[in-house]
C-alpha atoms as a PDB file:
ATOM      1  CA  MET A   1      11.107 -52.168 -14.120  1.00  0.00           C
ATOM      2  CA  THR A   2      13.038 -49.394 -14.845  1.00  0.00           C
ATOM      3  CA  ARG A   3      13.025 -46.250 -12.390  1.00  0.00           C
ATOM      4  CA  PHE A   4      14.183 -43.273 -12.874  1.00  0.00           C
ATOM      5  CA  LEU A   5      15.819 -40.495 -10.519  1.00  0.00           C
ATOM      6  CA  THR A   6      14.928 -36.893 -11.319  1.00  0.00           C
ATOM      7  CA  PRO A   7      15.751 -33.899  -8.715  1.00  0.00           C
ATOM      8  CA  TRP A   8      12.269 -33.954  -7.249  1.00  0.00           C
ATOM      9  CA  THR A   9      12.499 -37.418  -6.003  1.00  0.00           C
ATOM     10  CA  GLY A  10      14.220 -38.625  -2.814  1.00  0.00           C
ATOM     11  CA  PRO A  11      14.437 -37.924  -0.047  1.00  0.00           C
ATOM     12  CA  ARG A  12      15.512 -34.300  -0.562  1.00  0.00           C
ATOM     13  CA  ALA A  13      12.190 -34.210  -2.100  1.00  0.00           C
ATOM     14  CA  LEU A  14      10.727 -34.635   1.731  1.00  0.00           C
ATOM     15  CA  ALA A  15      12.215 -31.298   3.117  1.00  0.00           C
ATOM     16  CA  PRO A  16      10.133 -28.298   3.079  1.00  0.00           C
ATOM     17  CA  TRP A  17      10.797 -25.557   0.191  1.00  0.00           C
ATOM     18  CA  ASP A  18      11.611 -22.811   2.383  1.00  0.00           C
ATOM     19  CA  ILE A  19      14.400 -25.000   4.090  1.00  0.00           C
ATOM     20  CA  ARG A  20      16.287 -25.963   0.701  1.00  0.00           C
ATOM     21  CA  THR A  21      16.379 -22.596  -0.632  1.00  0.00           C
ATOM     22  CA  PRO A  22      16.727 -19.787   1.715  1.00  0.00           C
ATOM     23  CA  GLN A  23      20.073 -19.015   0.381  1.00  0.00           C
ATOM     24  CA  LEU A  24      18.894 -18.031  -3.175  1.00  0.00           C
ATOM     25  CA  PHE A  25      15.955 -15.663  -1.896  1.00  0.00           C
ATOM     26  CA  ASP A  26      18.633 -14.243   0.935  1.00  0.00           C
ATOM     27  CA  ARG A  27      21.197 -13.072  -2.161  1.00  0.00           C
ATOM     28  CA  PHE A  28      18.175 -11.762  -4.372  1.00  0.00           C
ATOM     29  CA  ARG A  29      16.914  -9.563  -1.512  1.00  0.00           C
ATOM     30  CA  HIS A  30      20.483  -8.740  -1.122  1.00  0.00           C
ATOM     31  CA  GLU A  31      20.978  -7.527  -4.417  1.00  0.00           C
ATOM     32  CA  MET A  32      17.631  -5.828  -4.701  1.00  0.00           C
ATOM     33  CA  ASP A  33      18.381  -3.542  -1.937  1.00  0.00           C
ATOM     34  CA  GLN A  34      21.560  -2.709  -3.021  1.00  0.00           C
ATOM     35  CA  MET A  35      19.709  -1.615  -6.066  1.00  0.00           C
ATOM     36  CA  PHE A  36      17.422   0.655  -4.598  1.00  0.00           C
ATOM     37  CA  GLY A  37      19.565   1.909  -2.506  1.00  0.00           C
ATOM     38  CA  GLN A  38      22.014   2.860  -5.205  1.00  0.00           C
ATOM     39  CA  PHE A  39      19.025   4.363  -7.465  1.00  0.00           C
ATOM     40  CA  PHE A  40      17.265   6.446  -4.294  1.00  0.00           C
ATOM     41  CA  ALA A  41      21.038   7.523  -2.956  1.00  0.00           C
ATOM     42  CA  ALA A  42      21.436  11.329  -1.288  1.00  0.00           C
ATOM     43  CA  GLU A  43      23.538  13.283  -3.059  1.00  0.00           C
ATOM     44  CA  ASP A  44      25.366  13.375   0.449  1.00  0.00           C
ATOM     45  CA  ASN A  45      25.567   9.248  -0.527  1.00  0.00           C
ATOM     46  CA  GLU A  46      22.977   8.813   2.424  1.00  0.00           C
ATOM     47  CA  ARG A  47      20.857   5.814   1.741  1.00  0.00           C
ATOM     48  CA  GLN A  48      16.811   7.280   2.019  1.00  0.00           C
ATOM     49  CA  LEU A  49      14.363   4.449   2.685  1.00  0.00           C
ATOM     50  CA  ILE A  50      11.835   4.116   0.934  1.00  0.00           C
ATOM     51  CA  PHE A  51       8.565   5.074   3.161  1.00  0.00           C
ATOM     52  CA  ALA A  52       5.308   3.815   1.202  1.00  0.00           C
ATOM     53  CA  PRO A  53       2.583   3.555   4.046  1.00  0.00           C
ATOM     54  CA  ARG A  54       0.248   0.781   4.279  1.00  0.00           C
ATOM     55  CA  THR A  55      -3.143   0.979   2.617  1.00  0.00           C
ATOM     56  CA  ASN A  56      -6.798  -0.697   2.472  1.00  0.00           C
ATOM     57  CA  VAL A  57      -9.199   0.399  -0.092  1.00  0.00           C
ATOM     58  CA  ALA A  58     -12.798  -0.758   0.247  1.00  0.00           C
ATOM     59  CA  GLU A  59     -15.892  -0.114  -2.135  1.00  0.00           C
ATOM     60  CA  THR A  60     -19.982   0.137  -0.733  1.00  0.00           C
ATOM     61  CA  GLU A  61     -22.839   0.970  -3.543  1.00  0.00           C
ATOM     62  CA  THR A  62     -22.579   4.035  -2.414  1.00  0.00           C
ATOM     63  CA  GLU A  63     -18.629   5.405  -1.849  1.00  0.00           C
ATOM     64  CA  TYR A  64     -15.184   3.906  -1.846  1.00  0.00           C
ATOM     65  CA  GLU A  65     -13.037   4.025   1.564  1.00  0.00           C
ATOM     66  CA  VAL A  66      -9.607   3.688   1.977  1.00  0.00           C
ATOM     67  CA  THR A  67      -7.606   3.594   5.101  1.00  0.00           C
ATOM     68  CA  VAL A  68      -4.431   4.565   5.303  1.00  0.00           C
ATOM     69  CA  ASP A  69      -1.410   4.202   8.258  1.00  0.00           C
ATOM     70  CA  LEU A  70       0.421   7.263   9.157  1.00  0.00           C
ATOM     71  CA  PRO A  71       1.187   6.225  12.760  1.00  0.00           C
ATOM     72  CA  GLY A  72       3.593   9.355  14.315  1.00  0.00           C
ATOM     73  CA  MET A  73       2.372  11.872  11.306  1.00  0.00           C
ATOM     74  CA  LYS A  74       0.741  15.454  11.959  1.00  0.00           C
ATOM     75  CA  PRO A  75      -3.123  16.255   9.516  1.00  0.00           C
ATOM     76  CA  GLU A  76      -1.105  19.307   8.579  1.00  0.00           C
ATOM     77  CA  ASP A  77       1.784  16.881   7.347  1.00  0.00           C
ATOM     78  CA  LEU A  78      -0.681  15.273   4.532  1.00  0.00           C
ATOM     79  CA  ASP A  79      -2.442  16.148   1.361  1.00  0.00           C
ATOM     80  CA  VAL A  80      -5.435  14.474  -0.085  1.00  0.00           C
ATOM     81  CA  GLU A  81      -6.875  15.334  -3.587  1.00  0.00           C
ATOM     82  CA  LEU A  82      -9.034  14.022  -6.189  1.00  0.00           C
ATOM     83  CA  LYS A  83      -7.818  14.358  -9.551  1.00  0.00           C
ATOM     84  CA  ASP A  84      -9.458  12.850 -12.738  1.00  0.00           C
ATOM     85  CA  GLY A  85     -10.627   9.995 -10.718  1.00  0.00           C
ATOM     86  CA  HIS A  86      -7.612   9.305  -8.582  1.00  0.00           C
ATOM     87  CA  LEU A  87      -7.555   9.687  -5.021  1.00  0.00           C
ATOM     88  CA  TRP A  88      -3.508  11.344  -4.391  1.00  0.00           C
ATOM     89  CA  ILE A  89      -2.395  11.178  -0.910  1.00  0.00           C
ATOM     90  CA  THR A  90       0.538  12.702  -0.178  1.00  0.00           C
ATOM     91  CA  GLY A  91       2.743  13.579   2.470  1.00  0.00           C
ATOM     92  CA  GLU A  92       6.272  13.325   4.364  1.00  0.00           C
ATOM     93  CA  ARG A  93       7.518  11.847   7.743  1.00  0.00           C
ATOM     94  CA  LYS A  94       9.830  13.888   9.053  1.00  0.00           C
ATOM     95  CA  HIS A  95      12.972  12.082  10.359  1.00  0.00           C
ATOM     96  CA  GLU A  96      13.167  11.942  14.076  1.00  0.00           C
ATOM     97  CA  GLU A  97      16.891  13.794  14.726  1.00  0.00           C
ATOM     98  CA  GLU A  98      19.353  11.316  16.945  1.00  0.00           C
ATOM     99  CA  GLU A  99      20.251  12.052  20.251  1.00  0.00           C
ATOM    100  CA  LYS A 100      24.085  12.207  21.263  1.00  0.00           C
ATOM    101  CA  GLY A 101      24.391   9.729  23.900  1.00  0.00           C
ATOM    102  CA  LYS A 102      22.047   6.886  22.147  1.00  0.00           C
ATOM    103  CA  THR A 103      23.818   4.090  20.365  1.00  0.00           C
ATOM    104  CA  TYR A 104      21.573   2.624  18.215  1.00  0.00           C
ATOM    105  CA  HIS A 105      21.754  -1.126  17.181  1.00  0.00           C
ATOM    106  CA  ARG A 106      18.844  -0.921  14.473  1.00  0.00           C
ATOM    107  CA  ILE A 107      16.847   2.059  12.775  1.00  0.00           C
ATOM    108  CA  GLU A 108      13.680   0.418  10.808  1.00  0.00           C
ATOM    109  CA  ARG A 109      11.456   3.362  10.760  1.00  0.00           C
ATOM    110  CA  SER A 110      11.110   4.573   7.052  1.00  0.00           C
ATOM    111  CA  TYR A 111      10.846   8.765   6.508  1.00  0.00           C
ATOM    112  CA  GLY A 112      10.559  10.679   3.470  1.00  0.00           C
ATOM    113  CA  HIS A 113       7.798  11.828   0.900  1.00  0.00           C
ATOM    114  CA  PHE A 114       5.396   9.443   0.001  1.00  0.00           C
ATOM    115  CA  ARG A 115       2.619   9.412  -2.421  1.00  0.00           C
ATOM    116  CA  ARG A 116      -0.087   7.054  -3.049  1.00  0.00           C
ATOM    117  CA  VAL A 117      -2.418   7.228  -6.000  1.00  0.00           C
ATOM    118  CA  ILE A 118      -5.399   5.230  -6.110  1.00  0.00           C
ATOM    119  CA  PRO A 119      -7.349   4.810  -9.091  1.00  0.00           C
ATOM    120  CA  LEU A 120     -11.010   5.263  -8.843  1.00  0.00           C
ATOM    121  CA  GLU A 121     -14.225   4.657 -11.056  1.00  0.00           C
ATOM    122  CA  GLU A 122     -14.631   8.551 -12.959  1.00  0.00           C
ATOM    123  CA  SER A 123     -18.335   8.393 -11.496  1.00  0.00           C
ATOM    124  CA  VAL A 124     -17.605   9.996  -7.692  1.00  0.00           C
ATOM    125  CA  ASN A 125     -18.818  13.143  -6.485  1.00  0.00           C
ATOM    126  CA  PRO A 126     -15.827  15.234  -6.259  1.00  0.00           C
ATOM    127  CA  GLU A 127     -18.200  17.342  -3.498  1.00  0.00           C
ATOM    128  CA  LYS A 128     -18.507  14.448  -1.336  1.00  0.00           C
ATOM    129  CA  VAL A 129     -15.114  13.927  -0.453  1.00  0.00           C
ATOM    130  CA  ASP A 130     -14.329  13.451   3.390  1.00  0.00           C
ATOM    131  CA  ALA A 131     -10.942  12.575   5.314  1.00  0.00           C
ATOM    132  CA  GLU A 132     -10.101  12.391   8.636  1.00  0.00           C
ATOM    133  CA  TYR A 133      -7.285  11.690  10.896  1.00  0.00           C
ATOM    134  CA  LYS A 134      -7.250   9.268  13.840  1.00  0.00           C
ATOM    135  CA  ASP A 135      -4.872   7.588  16.083  1.00  0.00           C
ATOM    136  CA  GLY A 136      -2.637   7.211  13.326  1.00  0.00           C
ATOM    137  CA  VAL A 137      -5.048   6.251  10.445  1.00  0.00           C
ATOM    138  CA  LEU A 138      -6.206   8.341   7.646  1.00  0.00           C
ATOM    139  CA  HIS A 139      -9.573   7.168   6.852  1.00  0.00           C
ATOM    140  CA  ILE A 140     -10.982   8.579   3.444  1.00  0.00           C
ATOM    141  CA  THR A 141     -14.226   8.055   2.183  1.00  0.00           C
ATOM    142  CA  VAL A 142     -15.550   8.919  -1.487  1.00  0.00           C
ATOM    143  CA  ALA A 143     -19.321   8.945  -2.240  1.00  0.00           C
ATOM    144  CA  LYS A 144     -20.083   7.667  -5.956  1.00  0.00           C
ATOM    145  CA  ASP A 145     -21.939   9.373  -7.850  1.00  0.00           C
ATOM    146  CA  GLU A 146     -25.749   8.951  -7.491  1.00  0.00           C
ATOM    147  CA  ALA A 147     -26.201   8.318 -11.379  1.00  0.00           C
ATOM    148  CA  ALA A 148     -23.574   6.086 -11.469  1.00  0.00           C
ATOM    149  CA  GLN A 149     -25.043   4.125  -8.175  1.00  0.00           C
ATOM    150  CA  PRO A 150     -26.790   0.815  -8.866  1.00  0.00           C
ATOM    151  CA  ARG A 151     -30.803   1.577  -9.155  1.00  0.00           C
ATOM    152  CA  LYS A 152     -33.437  -1.052  -7.961  1.00  0.00           C
ATOM    153  CA  ILE A 153     -35.957  -1.593 -10.936  1.00  0.00           C
ATOM    154  CA  PRO A 154     -39.478  -2.757  -9.657  1.00  0.00           C
ATOM    155  CA  VAL A 155     -40.992  -5.800 -11.764  1.00  0.00           C
ATOM    156  CA  LYS A 156     -44.564  -5.091 -11.978  1.00  0.00           C
ATOM    157  CA  PRO A 157     -46.420  -8.325 -13.077  1.00  0.00           C
ATOM    158  CA  GLU A 158     -48.629  -8.267 -16.189  1.00  0.00           C
ATOM    159  CA  SER A 159     -51.476  -6.277 -16.621  1.00  0.00           C
ATOM    160  CA  HIS A 160     -54.544  -8.139 -18.125  1.00  0.00           C
ATOM    161  CA  GLU A 161     -56.753  -5.416 -19.340  1.00  0.00           C
END
């Protein structure tokens, strides 16, 4: 019996996938970071961080519910608009000034302008949109148009007249 060895057989095949290939993805991530850093570089060649807040979108029979994590922001720094069936959430998280006498070992918090555009169905009621900001989370509800909501149709028994 002839046995062919392939790259997927032998003791190396038993090694978990993430142990064999971390350098490949590390290099790819580094190159992508460099590319985005150059693309979004400021005029003074400082790197700007991309700020895209985490967002959840849920739907019920009567409305859409959107929650956006925006810790450390103020309600006056946020704009919520409904345009052409899309919910636009824009704002700016301002960069905290670095204090003299402090040595920063790591800066990971993102700052700057952001825009999240969430497509909704055209059948929403623009008069019934509510936005509330509490504990660093923006809660938005957009009511669906009543004509577009599901309607239960009663089934009548057959009449014997």
